């Protein structure tokens, strides 16, 4: 399975702070004076989690609409196109956050 942008962000956070993400999540809600960069990194990771979920949903929908042996009805062509566009947008958002 390919590494997602969310996985990459998690690895970057763990490498930068030298601890597992779970240990850092508790500290991320403390006042920013202790570590101002950590809440920003965790906020970005949260945004990546949302876009990662969107990518998965759009990819699954596109897989269903374009599965092998399935002939879509004419009205479904718009759904296929909209889903493909939404998938590209979600990928672009993930790349921008990363």
PDB file of N, CA and C in Angstrom:
ATOM      1  N   UNK A   1       0.847  -1.183   0.000  1.00  0.00           N
ATOM      2  CA  UNK A   1       0.000   0.000   0.000  1.00  0.00           C
ATOM      3  C   UNK A   1       0.892   1.245   0.000  1.00  0.00           C
ATOM      4  N   UNK A   2       0.622   2.189  -0.875  1.00  0.00           N
ATOM      5  CA  UNK A   2       1.459   3.389  -0.936  1.00  0.00           C
ATOM      6  C   UNK A   2       1.285   4.251   0.315  1.00  0.00           C
ATOM      7  N   UNK A   3       2.321   4.978   0.615  1.00  0.00           N
ATOM      8  CA  UNK A   3       2.286   5.875   1.761  1.00  0.00           C
ATOM      9  C   UNK A   3       1.448   7.098   1.412  1.00  0.00           C
ATOM     10  N   UNK A   4       0.513   7.434   2.294  1.00  0.00           N
ATOM     11  CA  UNK A   4      -0.333   8.599   2.061  1.00  0.00           C
ATOM     12  C   UNK A   4       0.367   9.842   2.584  1.00  0.00           C
ATOM     13  N   UNK A   5      -0.171  10.988   2.239  1.00  0.00           N
ATOM     14  CA  UNK A   5       0.377  12.255   2.729  1.00  0.00           C
ATOM     15  C   UNK A   5       0.231  12.325   4.253  1.00  0.00           C
ATOM     16  N   UNK A   6      -0.862  11.737   4.771  1.00  0.00           N
ATOM     17  CA  UNK A   6      -1.067  11.698   6.214  1.00  0.00           C
ATOM     18  C   UNK A   6       0.031  10.878   6.883  1.00  0.00           C
ATOM     19  N   UNK A   7       0.372   9.745   6.297  1.00  0.00           N
ATOM     20  CA  UNK A   7       1.460   8.925   6.838  1.00  0.00           C
ATOM     21  C   UNK A   7       2.778   9.695   6.817  1.00  0.00           C
ATOM     22  N   UNK A   8       3.019  10.420   5.745  1.00  0.00           N
ATOM     23  CA  UNK A   8       4.251  11.199   5.638  1.00  0.00           C
ATOM     24  C   UNK A   8       4.303  12.288   6.708  1.00  0.00           C
ATOM     25  N   UNK A   9       3.171  12.966   6.932  1.00  0.00           N
ATOM     26  CA  UNK A   9       3.130  14.021   7.950  1.00  0.00           C
ATOM     27  C   UNK A   9       3.339  13.438   9.341  1.00  0.00           C
ATOM     28  N   UNK A  10       2.728  12.295   9.601  1.00  0.00           N
ATOM     29  CA  UNK A  10       2.906  11.643  10.896  1.00  0.00           C
ATOM     30  C   UNK A  10       4.371  11.289  11.121  1.00  0.00           C
ATOM     31  N   UNK A  11       5.003  10.732  10.109  1.00  0.00           N
ATOM     32  CA  UNK A  11       6.422  10.376  10.217  1.00  0.00           C
ATOM     33  C   UNK A  11       7.280  11.615  10.437  1.00  0.00           C
ATOM     34  N   UNK A  12       6.978  12.717   9.740  1.00  0.00           N
ATOM     35  CA  UNK A  12       7.749  13.953   9.911  1.00  0.00           C
ATOM     36  C   UNK A  12       7.626  14.487  11.338  1.00  0.00           C
ATOM     37  N   UNK A  13       6.398  14.454  11.877  1.00  0.00           N
ATOM     38  CA  UNK A  13       6.184  14.950  13.244  1.00  0.00           C
ATOM     39  C   UNK A  13       6.927  14.070  14.238  1.00  0.00           C
ATOM     40  N   UNK A  14       6.824  12.767  14.064  1.00  0.00           N
ATOM     41  CA  UNK A  14       7.510  11.852  14.980  1.00  0.00           C
ATOM     42  C   UNK A  14       9.025  12.011  14.903  1.00  0.00           C
ATOM     43  N   UNK A  15       9.554  12.210  13.699  1.00  0.00           N
ATOM     44  CA  UNK A  15      11.003  12.410  13.547  1.00  0.00           C
ATOM     45  C   UNK A  15      11.448  13.746  14.127  1.00  0.00           C
ATOM     46  N   UNK A  16      10.671  14.790  13.903  1.00  0.00           N
ATOM     47  CA  UNK A  16      11.063  16.127  14.371  1.00  0.00           C
ATOM     48  C   UNK A  16      11.072  16.222  15.892  1.00  0.00           C
ATOM     49  N   UNK A  17      10.102  15.584  16.553  1.00  0.00           N
ATOM     50  CA  UNK A  17      10.026  15.679  18.007  1.00  0.00           C
ATOM     51  C   UNK A  17      10.603  14.456  18.700  1.00  0.00           C
ATOM     52  N   UNK A  18      10.995  13.438  17.951  1.00  0.00           N
ATOM     53  CA  UNK A  18      11.650  12.271  18.526  1.00  0.00           C
ATOM     54  C   UNK A  18      10.771  11.433  19.428  1.00  0.00           C
ATOM     55  N   UNK A  19       9.462  11.522  19.261  1.00  0.00           N
ATOM     56  CA  UNK A  19       8.526  10.746  20.074  1.00  0.00           C
ATOM     57  C   UNK A  19       7.377  10.274  19.194  1.00  0.00           C
ATOM     58  N   UNK A  20       6.690   9.218  19.633  1.00  0.00           N
ATOM     59  CA  UNK A  20       5.499   8.799  18.892  1.00  0.00           C
ATOM     60  C   UNK A  20       4.434   9.897  18.910  1.00  0.00           C
ATOM     61  N   UNK A  21       3.604   9.892  17.918  1.00  0.00           N
ATOM     62  CA  UNK A  21       2.576  10.927  17.772  1.00  0.00           C
ATOM     63  C   UNK A  21       1.652  10.984  18.981  1.00  0.00           C
ATOM     64  N   UNK A  22       1.312   9.839  19.544  1.00  0.00           N
ATOM     65  CA  UNK A  22       0.387   9.802  20.681  1.00  0.00           C
ATOM     66  C   UNK A  22       0.928  10.611  21.869  1.00  0.00           C
ATOM     67  N   UNK A  23       2.220  10.570  22.069  1.00  0.00           N
ATOM     68  CA  UNK A  23       2.829  11.337  23.162  1.00  0.00           C
ATOM     69  C   UNK A  23       2.773  12.832  22.889  1.00  0.00           C
ATOM     70  N   UNK A  24       2.839  13.212  21.647  1.00  0.00           N
ATOM     71  CA  UNK A  24       2.824  14.631  21.268  1.00  0.00           C
ATOM     72  C   UNK A  24       1.421  15.210  21.247  1.00  0.00           C
ATOM     73  N   UNK A  25       0.406  14.390  20.999  1.00  0.00           N
ATOM     74  CA  UNK A  25      -0.966  14.904  20.924  1.00  0.00           C
ATOM     75  C   UNK A  25      -1.389  15.551  22.231  1.00  0.00           C
ATOM     76  N   UNK A  26      -1.006  14.965  23.346  1.00  0.00           N
ATOM     77  CA  UNK A  26      -1.356  15.509  24.660  1.00  0.00           C
ATOM     78  C   UNK A  26      -0.685  16.865  24.863  1.00  0.00           C
ATOM     79  N   UNK A  27       0.562  16.978  24.431  1.00  0.00           N
ATOM     80  CA  UNK A  27       1.307  18.224  24.625  1.00  0.00           C
ATOM     81  C   UNK A  27       0.880  19.325  23.657  1.00  0.00           C
ATOM     82  N   UNK A  28       0.238  18.950  22.571  1.00  0.00           N
ATOM     83  CA  UNK A  28      -0.144  19.935  21.553  1.00  0.00           C
ATOM     84  C   UNK A  28      -1.224  20.884  22.034  1.00  0.00           C
ATOM     85  N   UNK A  29      -1.979  20.506  23.053  1.00  0.00           N
ATOM     86  CA  UNK A  29      -3.063  21.365  23.528  1.00  0.00           C
ATOM     87  C   UNK A  29      -2.620  22.308  24.643  1.00  0.00           C
ATOM     88  N   UNK A  30      -1.378  22.192  25.060  1.00  0.00           N
ATOM     89  CA  UNK A  30      -0.845  23.093  26.087  1.00  0.00           C
ATOM     90  C   UNK A  30      -0.637  24.487  25.502  1.00  0.00           C
ATOM     91  N   UNK A  31      -0.418  25.475  26.358  1.00  0.00           N
ATOM     92  CA  UNK A  31      -0.191  26.838  25.849  1.00  0.00           C
ATOM     93  C   UNK A  31       0.946  26.870  24.830  1.00  0.00           C
ATOM     94  N   UNK A  32       0.809  27.676  23.805  1.00  0.00           N
ATOM     95  CA  UNK A  32       1.805  27.703  22.740  1.00  0.00           C
ATOM     96  C   UNK A  32       3.195  28.164  23.174  1.00  0.00           C
ATOM     97  N   UNK A  33       3.298  28.746  24.342  1.00  0.00           N
ATOM     98  CA  UNK A  33       4.610  29.230  24.781  1.00  0.00           C
ATOM     99  C   UNK A  33       5.591  28.074  24.997  1.00  0.00           C
ATOM    100  N   UNK A  34       5.086  26.874  25.301  1.00  0.00           N
ATOM    101  CA  UNK A  34       5.974  25.734  25.513  1.00  0.00           C
ATOM    102  C   UNK A  34       6.603  25.257  24.208  1.00  0.00           C
ATOM    103  N   UNK A  35       5.805  25.157  23.176  1.00  0.00           N
ATOM    104  CA  UNK A  35       6.300  24.705  21.867  1.00  0.00           C
ATOM    105  C   UNK A  35       5.330  25.215  20.797  1.00  0.00           C
ATOM    106  N   UNK A  36       5.561  26.413  20.284  1.00  0.00           N
ATOM    107  CA  UNK A  36       4.602  27.021  19.356  1.00  0.00           C
ATOM    108  C   UNK A  36       4.453  26.278  18.028  1.00  0.00           C
ATOM    109  N   UNK A  37       5.444  25.512  17.644  1.00  0.00           N
ATOM    110  CA  UNK A  37       5.370  24.819  16.362  1.00  0.00           C
ATOM    111  C   UNK A  37       4.511  23.560  16.414  1.00  0.00           C
ATOM    112  N   UNK A  38       4.460  22.907  17.570  1.00  0.00           N
ATOM    113  CA  UNK A  38       3.719  21.655  17.681  1.00  0.00           C
ATOM    114  C   UNK A  38       2.229  21.798  17.381  1.00  0.00           C
ATOM    115  N   UNK A  39       1.517  22.788  17.938  1.00  0.00           N
ATOM    116  CA  UNK A  39       0.096  22.914  17.587  1.00  0.00           C
ATOM    117  C   UNK A  39      -0.125  23.144  16.088  1.00  0.00           C
ATOM    118  N   UNK A  40       0.783  23.870  15.450  1.00  0.00           N
ATOM    119  CA  UNK A  40       0.670  24.092  14.004  1.00  0.00           C
ATOM    120  C   UNK A  40       0.842  22.781  13.244  1.00  0.00           C
ATOM    121  N   UNK A  41       1.826  22.002  13.646  1.00  0.00           N
ATOM    122  CA  UNK A  41       2.059  20.708  12.995  1.00  0.00           C
ATOM    123  C   UNK A  41       0.869  19.779  13.205  1.00  0.00           C
ATOM    124  N   UNK A  42       0.303  19.768  14.393  1.00  0.00           N
ATOM    125  CA  UNK A  42      -0.839  18.901  14.678  1.00  0.00           C
ATOM    126  C   UNK A  42      -2.082  19.381  13.926  1.00  0.00           C
ATOM    127  N   UNK A  43      -2.232  20.690  13.798  1.00  0.00           N
ATOM    128  CA  UNK A  43      -3.366  21.233  13.033  1.00  0.00           C
ATOM    129  C   UNK A  43      -3.250  20.827  11.560  1.00  0.00           C
ATOM    130  N   UNK A  44      -2.047  20.914  11.031  1.00  0.00           N
ATOM    131  CA  UNK A  44      -1.826  20.504   9.641  1.00  0.00           C
ATOM    132  C   UNK A  44      -2.087  19.024   9.476  1.00  0.00           C
ATOM    133  N   UNK A  45      -1.662  18.221  10.438  1.00  0.00           N
ATOM    134  CA  UNK A  45      -1.910  16.776  10.368  1.00  0.00           C
ATOM    135  C   UNK A  45      -3.412  16.492  10.419  1.00  0.00           C
ATOM    136  N   UNK A  46      -4.149  17.232  11.218  1.00  0.00           N
ATOM    137  CA  UNK A  46      -5.604  17.071  11.271  1.00  0.00           C
ATOM    138  C   UNK A  46      -6.226  17.394   9.918  1.00  0.00           C
ATOM    139  N   UNK A  47      -5.764  18.458   9.292  1.00  0.00           N
ATOM    140  CA  UNK A  47      -6.263  18.810   7.957  1.00  0.00           C
ATOM    141  C   UNK A  47      -5.940  17.702   6.961  1.00  0.00           C
ATOM    142  N   UNK A  48      -4.755  17.105   7.078  1.00  0.00           N
ATOM    143  CA  UNK A  48      -4.387  15.996   6.210  1.00  0.00           C
ATOM    144  C   UNK A  48      -5.259  14.770   6.466  1.00  0.00           C
ATOM    145  N   UNK A  49      -5.638  14.556   7.717  1.00  0.00           N
ATOM    146  CA  UNK A  49      -6.533  13.434   8.022  1.00  0.00           C
ATOM    147  C   UNK A  49      -7.880  13.622   7.336  1.00  0.00           C
ATOM    148  N   UNK A  50      -8.350  14.853   7.315  1.00  0.00           N
ATOM    149  CA  UNK A  50      -9.632  15.151   6.651  1.00  0.00           C
ATOM    150  C   UNK A  50      -9.513  14.949   5.145  1.00  0.00           C
ATOM    151  N   UNK A  51      -8.453  15.477   4.544  1.00  0.00           N
ATOM    152  CA  UNK A  51      -8.299  15.321   3.098  1.00  0.00           C
ATOM    153  C   UNK A  51      -7.997  13.868   2.732  1.00  0.00           C
ATOM    154  N   UNK A  52      -7.301  13.139   3.611  1.00  0.00           N
ATOM    155  CA  UNK A  52      -7.042  11.726   3.365  1.00  0.00           C
ATOM    156  C   UNK A  52      -8.352  10.941   3.330  1.00  0.00           C
ATOM    157  N   UNK A  53      -9.252  11.286   4.229  1.00  0.00           N
ATOM    158  CA  UNK A  53     -10.567  10.656   4.240  1.00  0.00           C
ATOM    159  C   UNK A  53     -11.335  10.996   2.960  1.00  0.00           C
ATOM    160  N   UNK A  54     -11.261  12.239   2.530  1.00  0.00           N
ATOM    161  CA  UNK A  54     -11.937  12.650   1.300  1.00  0.00           C
ATOM    162  C   UNK A  54     -11.379  11.906   0.093  1.00  0.00           C
ATOM    163  N   UNK A  55     -10.059  11.748   0.038  1.00  0.00           N
ATOM    164  CA  UNK A  55      -9.435  11.000  -1.058  1.00  0.00           C
ATOM    165  C   UNK A  55      -9.958   9.578  -1.078  1.00  0.00           C
ATOM    166  N   UNK A  56     -10.023   8.955   0.080  1.00  0.00           N
ATOM    167  CA  UNK A  56     -10.507   7.574   0.164  1.00  0.00           C
ATOM    168  C   UNK A  56     -11.948   7.457  -0.308  1.00  0.00           C
ATOM    169  N   UNK A  57     -12.795   8.367   0.117  1.00  0.00           N
ATOM    170  CA  UNK A  57     -14.205   8.340  -0.280  1.00  0.00           C
ATOM    171  C   UNK A  57     -14.347   8.522  -1.785  1.00  0.00           C
ATOM    172  N   UNK A  58     -13.666   9.502  -2.347  1.00  0.00           N
ATOM    173  CA  UNK A  58     -13.765   9.751  -3.789  1.00  0.00           C
ATOM    174  C   UNK A  58     -13.171   8.597  -4.593  1.00  0.00           C
ATOM    175  N   UNK A  59     -12.067   8.037  -4.110  1.00  0.00           N
ATOM    176  CA  UNK A  59     -11.449   6.901  -4.805  1.00  0.00           C
ATOM    177  C   UNK A  59     -12.384   5.702  -4.797  1.00  0.00           C
ATOM    178  N   UNK A  60     -13.005   5.426  -3.652  1.00  0.00           N
ATOM    179  CA  UNK A  60     -13.956   4.310  -3.570  1.00  0.00           C
ATOM    180  C   UNK A  60     -15.146   4.531  -4.491  1.00  0.00           C
ATOM    181  N   UNK A  61     -15.657   5.753  -4.508  1.00  0.00           N
ATOM    182  CA  UNK A  61     -16.794   6.068  -5.376  1.00  0.00           C
ATOM    183  C   UNK A  61     -16.415   5.901  -6.846  1.00  0.00           C
ATOM    184  N   UNK A  62     -15.227   6.375  -7.200  1.00  0.00           N
ATOM    185  CA  UNK A  62     -14.769   6.250  -8.581  1.00  0.00           C
ATOM    186  C   UNK A  62     -14.556   4.784  -8.952  1.00  0.00           C
ATOM    187  N   UNK A  63     -14.038   3.995  -8.022  1.00  0.00           N
ATOM    188  CA  UNK A  63     -13.862   2.565  -8.272  1.00  0.00           C
ATOM    189  C   UNK A  63     -15.199   1.874  -8.534  1.00  0.00           C
ATOM    190  N   UNK A  64     -16.220   2.246  -7.779  1.00  0.00           N
ATOM    191  CA  UNK A  64     -17.550   1.654  -7.972  1.00  0.00           C
ATOM    192  C   UNK A  64     -18.137   2.069  -9.316  1.00  0.00           C
ATOM    193  N   UNK A  65     -17.979   3.336  -9.660  1.00  0.00           N
ATOM    194  CA  UNK A  65     -18.556   3.842 -10.907  1.00  0.00           C
ATOM    195  C   UNK A  65     -17.812   3.381 -12.155  1.00  0.00           C
ATOM    196  N   UNK A  66     -16.580   2.902 -11.982  1.00  0.00           N
ATOM    197  CA  UNK A  66     -15.796   2.496 -13.153  1.00  0.00           C
ATOM    198  C   UNK A  66     -15.287   1.053 -13.020  1.00  0.00           C
ATOM    199  N   UNK A  67     -16.014   0.240 -12.251  1.00  0.00           N
ATOM    200  CA  UNK A  67     -15.562  -1.134 -12.045  1.00  0.00           C
ATOM    201  C   UNK A  67     -15.606  -1.937 -13.343  1.00  0.00           C
ATOM    202  N   UNK A  68     -14.821  -2.979 -13.388  1.00  0.00           N
ATOM    203  CA  UNK A  68     -14.699  -3.834 -14.577  1.00  0.00           C
ATOM    204  C   UNK A  68     -16.053  -4.477 -14.906  1.00  0.00           C
ATOM    205  N   UNK A  69     -16.428  -4.376 -16.156  1.00  0.00           N
ATOM    206  CA  UNK A  69     -17.660  -4.986 -16.618  1.00  0.00           C
ATOM    207  C   UNK A  69     -18.906  -4.145 -16.413  1.00  0.00           C
ATOM    208  N   UNK A  70     -18.768  -3.003 -15.768  1.00  0.00           N
ATOM    209  CA  UNK A  70     -19.923  -2.142 -15.499  1.00  0.00           C
ATOM    210  C   UNK A  70     -20.014  -1.084 -16.586  1.00  0.00           C
ATOM    211  N   UNK A  71     -21.201  -0.957 -17.147  1.00  0.00           N
ATOM    212  CA  UNK A  71     -21.438   0.070 -18.162  1.00  0.00           C
ATOM    213  C   UNK A  71     -22.327   1.132 -17.523  1.00  0.00           C
ATOM    214  N   UNK A  72     -21.767   2.316 -17.290  1.00  0.00           N
ATOM    215  CA  UNK A  72     -22.563   3.359 -16.631  1.00  0.00           C
ATOM    216  C   UNK A  72     -23.652   3.901 -17.545  1.00  0.00           C
ATOM    217  N   UNK A  73     -24.738   4.291 -16.911  1.00  0.00           N
ATOM    218  CA  UNK A  73     -25.792   4.965 -17.653  1.00  0.00           C
ATOM    219  C   UNK A  73     -25.305   6.355 -18.041  1.00  0.00           C
ATOM    220  N   UNK A  74     -25.977   6.940 -19.017  1.00  0.00           N
ATOM    221  CA  UNK A  74     -25.567   8.256 -19.515  1.00  0.00           C
ATOM    222  C   UNK A  74     -25.515   9.290 -18.392  1.00  0.00           C
ATOM    223  N   UNK A  75     -26.528   9.276 -17.510  1.00  0.00           N
ATOM    224  CA  UNK A  75     -26.563  10.278 -16.439  1.00  0.00           C
ATOM    225  C   UNK A  75     -25.444  10.071 -15.418  1.00  0.00           C
ATOM    226  N   UNK A  76     -24.850   8.887 -15.382  1.00  0.00           N
ATOM    227  CA  UNK A  76     -23.762   8.633 -14.441  1.00  0.00           C
ATOM    228  C   UNK A  76     -22.420   9.177 -14.921  1.00  0.00           C
ATOM    229  N   UNK A  77     -22.325   9.523 -16.175  1.00  0.00           N
ATOM    230  CA  UNK A  77     -21.066  10.073 -16.686  1.00  0.00           C
ATOM    231  C   UNK A  77     -20.705  11.368 -15.975  1.00  0.00           C
ATOM    232  N   UNK A  78     -21.710  12.183 -15.666  1.00  0.00           N
ATOM    233  CA  UNK A  78     -21.451  13.410 -14.900  1.00  0.00           C
ATOM    234  C   UNK A  78     -20.937  13.081 -13.500  1.00  0.00           C
ATOM    235  N   UNK A  79     -21.511  12.053 -12.876  1.00  0.00           N
ATOM    236  CA  UNK A  79     -21.054  11.646 -11.543  1.00  0.00           C
ATOM    237  C   UNK A  79     -19.614  11.173 -11.587  1.00  0.00           C
ATOM    238  N   UNK A  80     -19.259  10.441 -12.633  1.00  0.00           N
ATOM    239  CA  UNK A  80     -17.883   9.954 -12.773  1.00  0.00           C
ATOM    240  C   UNK A  80     -16.930  11.138 -12.915  1.00  0.00           C
ATOM    241  N   UNK A  81     -17.313  12.090 -13.762  1.00  0.00           N
ATOM    242  CA  UNK A  81     -16.469  13.263 -13.979  1.00  0.00           C
ATOM    243  C   UNK A  81     -16.342  14.092 -12.699  1.00  0.00           C
ATOM    244  N   UNK A  82     -17.453  14.333 -12.018  1.00  0.00           N
ATOM    245  CA  UNK A  82     -17.423  15.116 -10.784  1.00  0.00           C
ATOM    246  C   UNK A  82     -16.599  14.420  -9.707  1.00  0.00           C
ATOM    247  N   UNK A  83     -16.724  13.104  -9.628  1.00  0.00           N
ATOM    248  CA  UNK A  83     -15.954  12.361  -8.639  1.00  0.00           C
ATOM    249  C   UNK A  83     -14.467  12.420  -8.947  1.00  0.00           C
ATOM    250  N   UNK A  84     -14.110  12.296 -10.219  1.00  0.00           N
ATOM    251  CA  UNK A  84     -12.694  12.376 -10.610  1.00  0.00           C
ATOM    252  C   UNK A  84     -12.125  13.755 -10.304  1.00  0.00           C
ATOM    253  N   UNK A  85     -12.890  14.789 -10.577  1.00  0.00           N
ATOM    254  CA  UNK A  85     -12.444  16.158 -10.278  1.00  0.00           C
ATOM    255  C   UNK A  85     -12.288  16.334  -8.769  1.00  0.00           C
ATOM    256  N   UNK A  86     -13.259  15.849  -7.998  1.00  0.00           N
ATOM    257  CA  UNK A  86     -13.181  15.959  -6.539  1.00  0.00           C
ATOM    258  C   UNK A  86     -11.981  15.199  -5.993  1.00  0.00           C
ATOM    259  N   UNK A  87     -11.665  14.059  -6.597  1.00  0.00           N
ATOM    260  CA  UNK A  87     -10.505  13.289  -6.190  1.00  0.00           C
ATOM    261  C   UNK A  87      -9.224  14.075  -6.446  1.00  0.00           C
ATOM    262  N   UNK A  88      -9.125  14.704  -7.602  1.00  0.00           N
ATOM    263  CA  UNK A  88      -7.941  15.519  -7.915  1.00  0.00           C
ATOM    264  C   UNK A  88      -7.820  16.708  -6.972  1.00  0.00           C
ATOM    265  N   UNK A  89      -8.936  17.319  -6.633  1.00  0.00           N
ATOM    266  CA  UNK A  89      -8.919  18.454  -5.704  1.00  0.00           C
ATOM    267  C   UNK A  89      -8.447  17.998  -4.324  1.00  0.00           C
ATOM    268  N   UNK A  90      -8.956  16.856  -3.871  1.00  0.00           N
ATOM    269  CA  UNK A  90      -8.547  16.338  -2.563  1.00  0.00           C
ATOM    270  C   UNK A  90      -7.053  16.011  -2.550  1.00  0.00           C
ATOM    271  N   UNK A  91      -6.547  15.426  -3.636  1.00  0.00           N
ATOM    272  CA  UNK A  91      -5.104  15.166  -3.733  1.00  0.00           C
ATOM    273  C   UNK A  91      -4.312  16.476  -3.691  1.00  0.00           C
ATOM    274  N   UNK A  92      -4.786  17.488  -4.411  1.00  0.00           N
ATOM    275  CA  UNK A  92      -4.093  18.775  -4.436  1.00  0.00           C
ATOM    276  C   UNK A  92      -4.093  19.418  -3.054  1.00  0.00           C
ATOM    277  N   UNK A  93      -5.216  19.334  -2.343  1.00  0.00           N
ATOM    278  CA  UNK A  93      -5.276  19.882  -1.003  1.00  0.00           C
ATOM    279  C   UNK A  93      -4.297  19.166  -0.071  1.00  0.00           C
ATOM    280  N   UNK A  94      -4.212  17.850  -0.207  1.00  0.00           N
ATOM    281  CA  UNK A  94      -3.267  17.084   0.619  1.00  0.00           C
ATOM    282  C   UNK A  94      -1.837  17.510   0.345  1.00  0.00           C
ATOM    283  N   UNK A  95      -1.513  17.659  -0.935  1.00  0.00           N
ATOM    284  CA  UNK A  95      -0.148  18.087  -1.291  1.00  0.00           C
ATOM    285  C   UNK A  95       0.143  19.488  -0.746  1.00  0.00           C
ATOM    286  N   UNK A  96      -0.850  20.359  -0.814  1.00  0.00           N
ATOM    287  CA  UNK A  96      -0.654  21.726  -0.316  1.00  0.00           C
ATOM    288  C   UNK A  96      -0.430  21.723   1.188  1.00  0.00           C
ATOM    289  N   UNK A  97      -1.202  20.934   1.931  1.00  0.00           N
ATOM    290  CA  UNK A  97      -1.007  20.865   3.376  1.00  0.00           C
ATOM    291  C   UNK A  97       0.343  20.273   3.712  1.00  0.00           C
ATOM    292  N   UNK A  98       0.731  19.216   2.970  1.00  0.00           N
ATOM    293  CA  UNK A  98       2.018  18.579   3.252  1.00  0.00           C
ATOM    294  C   UNK A  98       3.162  19.526   2.939  1.00  0.00           C
TER     295      UNK A  98
END
